[in-house]
Each structure stands twice: as structure tokens, then as C-alpha cells.
């Protein structure tokens, strides 16, 4: 069911898990890229819990996010998100961002 609203959200991010080389995973922002599975619920004050996933299953390491939000309305849900790093995309596509060059 579609909805619209305005609110505030505070996110607390944490790296979790151990990589295959047995080193503790510590890169919060890299772990935030890619797929995440999110559970949320609210009734004026709400919250969300998000954890890195692949194919809908939690990853052995990545980033988990706990959020507190304040909004008008209520709801509950589960979703899958895909996060992209804009700065990495710009670095990979420099042809779109040539400053000071003119084709004339």
C-alpha cells in the first residue's frame, strides 16, 4: 500500500563478523554497500534493523544498522535494499564528470 510522510531518522552503524582470512571485519562503509535485509516498525516512534545480506540471507560479515525514527503514521515491514557508493561510481565513470573541458 503506497504511503508518504516526513520524519527524522538516526542511524547507528556497526561492522560485524570475521572474514575468511580470520580477520575481524571493520570497514563499516564498505559493508553498507550492496544488499541489506531490513526489518522495520513504527507507531509515531519506530525503528529499523538492517544487516548485510546476499540473496536474502545474512552475510557472515558486513555492516548492521540500528535506526530510531520519529514520523507521523504507523507501519511494519521487511524489505531488501541495494546501496551504491556514489563516490565509487563517479570514480568508475570519469567521462561524465570532466570539469573545464568543452567540446567546442
C-alpha atoms as a PDB file:
ATOM      1  CA  UNK A   1       0.000   0.000   0.000  1.00  0.00           C
ATOM      2  CA  UNK A   2       1.601   3.316  -1.022  1.00  0.00           C
ATOM      3  CA  UNK A   3       2.241   5.997   1.566  1.00  0.00           C
ATOM      4  CA  UNK A   4       4.044   9.289   2.035  1.00  0.00           C
ATOM      5  CA  UNK A   5       5.386  11.040   5.075  1.00  0.00           C
ATOM      6  CA  UNK A   6       8.026  13.193   6.677  1.00  0.00           C
ATOM      7  CA  UNK A   7      10.206  12.205   9.585  1.00  0.00           C
ATOM      8  CA  UNK A   8      13.642  12.065  11.181  1.00  0.00           C
ATOM      9  CA  UNK A   9      15.887   9.050  11.473  1.00  0.00           C
ATOM     10  CA  UNK A  10      19.074   8.429  13.447  1.00  0.00           C
ATOM     11  CA  UNK A  11      21.277   5.532  12.323  1.00  0.00           C
ATOM     12  CA  UNK A  12      23.852   3.628  14.355  1.00  0.00           C
ATOM     13  CA  UNK A  13      26.160   1.564  12.133  1.00  0.00           C
ATOM     14  CA  UNK A  14      28.446  -1.264  13.251  1.00  0.00           C
ATOM     15  CA  UNK A  15      30.800  -3.614  11.379  1.00  0.00           C
ATOM     16  CA  UNK A  16      30.394  -7.276  12.361  1.00  0.00           C
ATOM     17  CA  UNK A  17      31.840 -10.706  11.655  1.00  0.00           C
ATOM     18  CA  UNK A  18      35.111 -12.282  10.603  1.00  0.00           C
ATOM     19  CA  UNK A  19      36.396 -12.532   7.042  1.00  0.00           C
ATOM     20  CA  UNK A  20      37.593 -15.832   5.528  1.00  0.00           C
ATOM     21  CA  UNK A  21      41.197 -14.949   6.498  1.00  0.00           C
ATOM     22  CA  UNK A  22      40.044 -14.898  10.176  1.00  0.00           C
ATOM     23  CA  UNK A  23      40.472 -11.124  10.495  1.00  0.00           C
ATOM     24  CA  UNK A  24      37.770  -9.119  12.211  1.00  0.00           C
ATOM     25  CA  UNK A  25      35.728  -7.089   9.718  1.00  0.00           C
ATOM     26  CA  UNK A  26      35.999  -3.333  10.453  1.00  0.00           C
ATOM     27  CA  UNK A  27      35.021  -1.400   7.288  1.00  0.00           C
ATOM     28  CA  UNK A  28      31.564  -0.038   8.145  1.00  0.00           C
ATOM     29  CA  UNK A  29      31.068   1.941   4.922  1.00  0.00           C
ATOM     30  CA  UNK A  30      32.210  -0.794   2.525  1.00  0.00           C
ATOM     31  CA  UNK A  31      29.893  -3.186   4.343  1.00  0.00           C
ATOM     32  CA  UNK A  32      26.999  -0.782   3.830  1.00  0.00           C
ATOM     33  CA  UNK A  33      27.348  -1.120   0.038  1.00  0.00           C
ATOM     34  CA  UNK A  34      25.381  -3.824  -1.702  1.00  0.00           C
ATOM     35  CA  UNK A  35      22.390  -5.777  -0.458  1.00  0.00           C
ATOM     36  CA  UNK A  36      20.855  -5.492   3.015  1.00  0.00           C
ATOM     37  CA  UNK A  37      17.799  -7.065   4.614  1.00  0.00           C
ATOM     38  CA  UNK A  38      15.743  -4.603   6.650  1.00  0.00           C
ATOM     39  CA  UNK A  39      13.042  -5.105   9.299  1.00  0.00           C
ATOM     40  CA  UNK A  40      11.103  -2.044  10.438  1.00  0.00           C
ATOM     41  CA  UNK A  41       8.171  -0.991  12.548  1.00  0.00           C
ATOM     42  CA  UNK A  42       6.746   2.268  13.831  1.00  0.00           C
ATOM     43  CA  UNK A  43       3.845   3.916  15.595  1.00  0.00           C
ATOM     44  CA  UNK A  44       4.951   7.578  15.865  1.00  0.00           C
ATOM     45  CA  UNK A  45       8.318   6.378  17.212  1.00  0.00           C
ATOM     46  CA  UNK A  46       9.796   3.483  15.320  1.00  0.00           C
ATOM     47  CA  UNK A  47      12.894   1.587  14.490  1.00  0.00           C
ATOM     48  CA  UNK A  48      14.688  -0.407  11.842  1.00  0.00           C
ATOM     49  CA  UNK A  49      17.299  -3.124  11.904  1.00  0.00           C
ATOM     50  CA  UNK A  50      19.361  -3.752   8.788  1.00  0.00           C
ATOM     51  CA  UNK A  51      22.118  -6.314   8.179  1.00  0.00           C
ATOM     52  CA  UNK A  52      24.306  -7.091   5.147  1.00  0.00           C
ATOM     53  CA  UNK A  53      22.881  -9.954   3.118  1.00  0.00           C
ATOM     54  CA  UNK A  54      23.262 -11.846  -0.122  1.00  0.00           C
ATOM     55  CA  UNK A  55      20.334 -13.498  -1.837  1.00  0.00           C
ATOM     56  CA  UNK A  56      18.157 -12.636   1.170  1.00  0.00           C
ATOM     57  CA  UNK A  57      20.427 -14.498   3.630  1.00  0.00           C
ATOM     58  CA  UNK A  58      22.576 -12.685   6.183  1.00  0.00           C
ATOM     59  CA  UNK A  59      26.260 -12.375   5.282  1.00  0.00           C
ATOM     60  CA  UNK A  60      28.933 -13.773   7.666  1.00  0.00           C
ATOM     61  CA  UNK A  61      30.423 -10.247   7.872  1.00  0.00           C
ATOM     62  CA  UNK A  62      29.393  -6.743   6.868  1.00  0.00           C
ATOM     63  CA  UNK A  63      27.503  -3.843   8.396  1.00  0.00           C
ATOM     64  CA  UNK A  64      24.467  -3.838  10.636  1.00  0.00           C
ATOM     65  CA  UNK A  65      22.440  -0.685  11.214  1.00  0.00           C
ATOM     66  CA  UNK A  66      20.035   0.061  14.039  1.00  0.00           C
ATOM     67  CA  UNK A  67      17.809   3.082  13.442  1.00  0.00           C
ATOM     68  CA  UNK A  68      15.430   5.112  15.558  1.00  0.00           C
ATOM     69  CA  UNK A  69      12.906   7.232  13.734  1.00  0.00           C
ATOM     70  CA  UNK A  70      10.216   9.765  14.502  1.00  0.00           C
ATOM     71  CA  UNK A  71       7.436  10.051  11.958  1.00  0.00           C
ATOM     72  CA  UNK A  72       3.718  10.540  11.516  1.00  0.00           C
ATOM     73  CA  UNK A  73       1.886   7.259  10.987  1.00  0.00           C
ATOM     74  CA  UNK A  74       2.476   3.597  11.683  1.00  0.00           C
ATOM     75  CA  UNK A  75       3.743   0.573   9.842  1.00  0.00           C
ATOM     76  CA  UNK A  76       5.673  -2.665   9.902  1.00  0.00           C
ATOM     77  CA  UNK A  77       7.658  -4.359   7.172  1.00  0.00           C
ATOM     78  CA  UNK A  78      10.556  -6.304   5.762  1.00  0.00           C
ATOM     79  CA  UNK A  79      12.490  -5.143   2.740  1.00  0.00           C
ATOM     80  CA  UNK A  80      15.660  -5.759   0.777  1.00  0.00           C
ATOM     81  CA  UNK A  81      17.753  -2.736  -0.139  1.00  0.00           C
ATOM     82  CA  UNK A  82      20.613  -2.162  -2.572  1.00  0.00           C
ATOM     83  CA  UNK A  83      23.127   0.567  -1.645  1.00  0.00           C
ATOM     84  CA  UNK A  84      25.588   2.099  -4.110  1.00  0.00           C
ATOM     85  CA  UNK A  85      28.580   4.300  -3.275  1.00  0.00           C
ATOM     86  CA  UNK A  86      28.172   7.473  -5.342  1.00  0.00           C
ATOM     87  CA  UNK A  87      31.858   8.395  -4.992  1.00  0.00           C
ATOM     88  CA  UNK A  88      32.945   4.947  -6.255  1.00  0.00           C
ATOM     89  CA  UNK A  89      30.506   5.257  -9.193  1.00  0.00           C
ATOM     90  CA  UNK A  90      31.916   8.697 -10.102  1.00  0.00           C
ATOM     91  CA  UNK A  91      35.485   7.319  -9.966  1.00  0.00           C
ATOM     92  CA  UNK A  92      34.448   4.461 -12.266  1.00  0.00           C
ATOM     93  CA  UNK A  93      32.763   6.838 -14.777  1.00  0.00           C
ATOM     94  CA  UNK A  94      35.070   9.897 -15.097  1.00  0.00           C
ATOM     95  CA  UNK A  95      33.881  10.566 -18.651  1.00  0.00           C
ATOM     96  CA  UNK A  96      30.674  12.075 -17.227  1.00  0.00           C
ATOM     97  CA  UNK A  97      32.496  14.472 -14.917  1.00  0.00           C
ATOM     98  CA  UNK A  98      35.102  16.321 -16.997  1.00  0.00           C
ATOM     99  CA  UNK A  99      35.440  19.777 -15.485  1.00  0.00           C
ATOM    100  CA  UNK A 100      36.805  22.658 -17.543  1.00  0.00           C
ATOM    101  CA  UNK A 101      36.688  20.828 -20.883  1.00  0.00           C
ATOM    102  CA  UNK A 102      34.474  21.932 -23.749  1.00  0.00           C
ATOM    103  CA  UNK A 103      33.578  20.037 -26.875  1.00  0.00           C
ATOM    104  CA  UNK A 104      33.579  23.319 -28.898  1.00  0.00           C
END
